[in-house]
């Protein structure tokens, strides 16, 4: 996996965790971690040709749905979509809103 995919996967995983976790403190910690990673993406955007966003999304889901977090999950019980609800350009934008992104993930999971 190339470094750009890894950076995008890590940011997406934190957003997914924030959406899945019902514990407010844990969700907030994930939002804050995502914000740091997204700021880094905005400051040094990945090359579009180096990242398949849906592939990074799939890897991020696997990371976020780890067994050790399962007891704290509860916000979203349905399957997350197979396609990433964000474009690479959105993720790398300095105006990307982490809270709005978490809500978008929750809604996309709720509706499939």
Protein backbone atom coordinates (compact mmCIF):
# COMPACT_ATOMS: atom_id res chain seq x y z
CA UNK A 1 0.00 0.00 0.00
CA UNK A 2 1.39 3.39 -0.91
CA UNK A 3 1.77 6.22 1.59
CA UNK A 4 -1.06 8.29 0.08
CA UNK A 5 -3.54 5.41 0.40
CA UNK A 6 -2.38 4.85 3.97
CA UNK A 7 -2.94 8.49 4.93
CA UNK A 8 -6.43 8.55 3.39
CA UNK A 9 -7.32 5.18 4.98
CA UNK A 10 -6.26 6.42 8.42
CA UNK A 11 -8.35 9.59 8.15
CA UNK A 12 -11.39 7.68 6.91
CA UNK A 13 -11.02 5.06 9.66
CA UNK A 14 -11.15 7.76 12.33
CA UNK A 15 -14.28 9.26 10.74
CA UNK A 16 -15.94 5.84 10.60
CA UNK A 17 -15.04 5.12 14.24
CA UNK A 18 -16.51 8.48 15.27
CA UNK A 19 -19.73 7.57 13.44
CA UNK A 20 -19.96 4.08 14.91
CA UNK A 21 -19.12 4.81 18.54
CA UNK A 22 -21.95 5.60 20.91
CA UNK A 23 -19.61 6.74 23.70
CA UNK A 24 -19.37 10.52 23.27
CA UNK A 25 -15.84 10.84 24.67
CA UNK A 26 -14.49 8.09 22.40
CA UNK A 27 -16.33 9.51 19.40
CA UNK A 28 -14.92 12.97 20.12
CA UNK A 29 -11.39 11.55 20.37
CA UNK A 30 -11.85 9.93 16.96
CA UNK A 31 -13.21 13.19 15.48
CA UNK A 32 -10.18 15.03 16.81
CA UNK A 33 -7.80 12.40 15.42
CA UNK A 34 -9.59 12.60 12.06
CA UNK A 35 -9.30 16.39 12.05
CA UNK A 36 -5.53 16.17 12.54
CA UNK A 37 -5.18 13.63 9.73
CA UNK A 38 -7.45 15.63 7.43
CA UNK A 39 -5.47 18.80 8.06
CA UNK A 40 -2.35 16.91 7.01
CA UNK A 41 -4.14 15.78 3.84
CA UNK A 42 -5.17 19.37 3.07
CA UNK A 43 -1.62 20.62 3.61
CA UNK A 44 -0.12 17.89 1.42
CA UNK A 45 -2.89 16.50 -0.83
CA UNK A 46 -2.43 12.99 -2.18
CA UNK A 47 -2.08 12.57 -5.92
CA UNK A 48 -5.42 11.48 -7.35
CA UNK A 49 -3.75 8.81 -9.45
CA UNK A 50 -2.22 7.23 -6.35
CA UNK A 51 -5.45 6.67 -4.41
CA UNK A 52 -8.54 4.65 -5.25
CA UNK A 53 -10.92 6.22 -2.77
CA UNK A 54 -13.30 3.25 -2.61
CA UNK A 55 -10.37 0.92 -1.91
CA UNK A 56 -9.14 3.19 0.88
CA UNK A 57 -12.73 3.28 2.22
CA UNK A 58 -12.94 -0.53 2.30
CA UNK A 59 -9.65 -0.75 4.18
CA UNK A 60 -10.81 1.97 6.58
CA UNK A 61 -14.02 0.08 7.36
CA UNK A 62 -11.96 -3.00 8.23
CA UNK A 63 -9.81 -0.91 10.57
CA UNK A 64 -12.76 0.86 12.19
CA UNK A 65 -14.78 -2.29 12.82
CA UNK A 66 -12.13 -3.79 15.07
CA UNK A 67 -13.28 -6.26 17.76
CA UNK A 68 -11.88 -4.15 20.60
CA UNK A 69 -14.22 -1.27 19.69
CA UNK A 70 -17.33 -3.45 19.28
CA UNK A 71 -18.57 -2.95 22.86
CA UNK A 72 -18.61 0.82 22.32
CA UNK A 73 -20.36 0.81 18.96
CA UNK A 74 -24.02 1.52 18.80
CA UNK A 75 -24.71 4.60 16.69
CA UNK A 76 -24.96 2.67 13.44
CA UNK A 77 -25.96 -0.97 13.35
CA UNK A 78 -26.41 -1.36 9.61
CA UNK A 79 -23.81 -2.08 6.97
CA UNK A 80 -21.73 0.83 5.76
CA UNK A 81 -21.91 1.54 2.02
CA UNK A 82 -19.37 -0.06 -0.28
CA UNK A 83 -18.61 3.24 -1.98
CA UNK A 84 -16.94 6.06 -0.10
CA UNK A 85 -19.39 8.89 0.61
CA UNK A 86 -16.60 11.43 -0.03
CA UNK A 87 -14.39 12.26 -2.97
CA UNK A 88 -10.66 12.55 -2.55
CA UNK A 89 -10.97 16.24 -3.33
CA UNK A 90 -13.49 16.71 -0.51
CA UNK A 91 -11.24 14.93 2.01
CA UNK A 92 -8.24 17.05 1.05
CA UNK A 93 -10.14 20.33 1.18
CA UNK A 94 -9.17 22.75 3.97
CA UNK A 95 -12.91 23.40 4.40
CA UNK A 96 -13.78 19.74 5.07
CA UNK A 97 -16.13 19.59 8.08
CA UNK A 98 -15.41 16.61 10.33
CA UNK A 99 -18.73 16.78 12.18
CA UNK A 100 -20.69 16.96 8.95
CA UNK A 101 -18.67 14.02 7.61
CA UNK A 102 -19.51 11.88 10.65
CA UNK A 103 -23.20 12.65 10.16
CA UNK A 104 -22.95 11.80 6.46
CA UNK A 105 -21.42 8.43 7.33
CA UNK A 106 -24.18 7.74 9.86
CA UNK A 107 -26.86 8.64 7.33
CA UNK A 108 -25.28 6.63 4.52
CA UNK A 109 -25.08 3.62 6.83
CA UNK A 110 -28.67 4.07 7.91
CA UNK A 111 -29.90 4.21 4.33
CA UNK A 112 -27.42 1.76 2.87
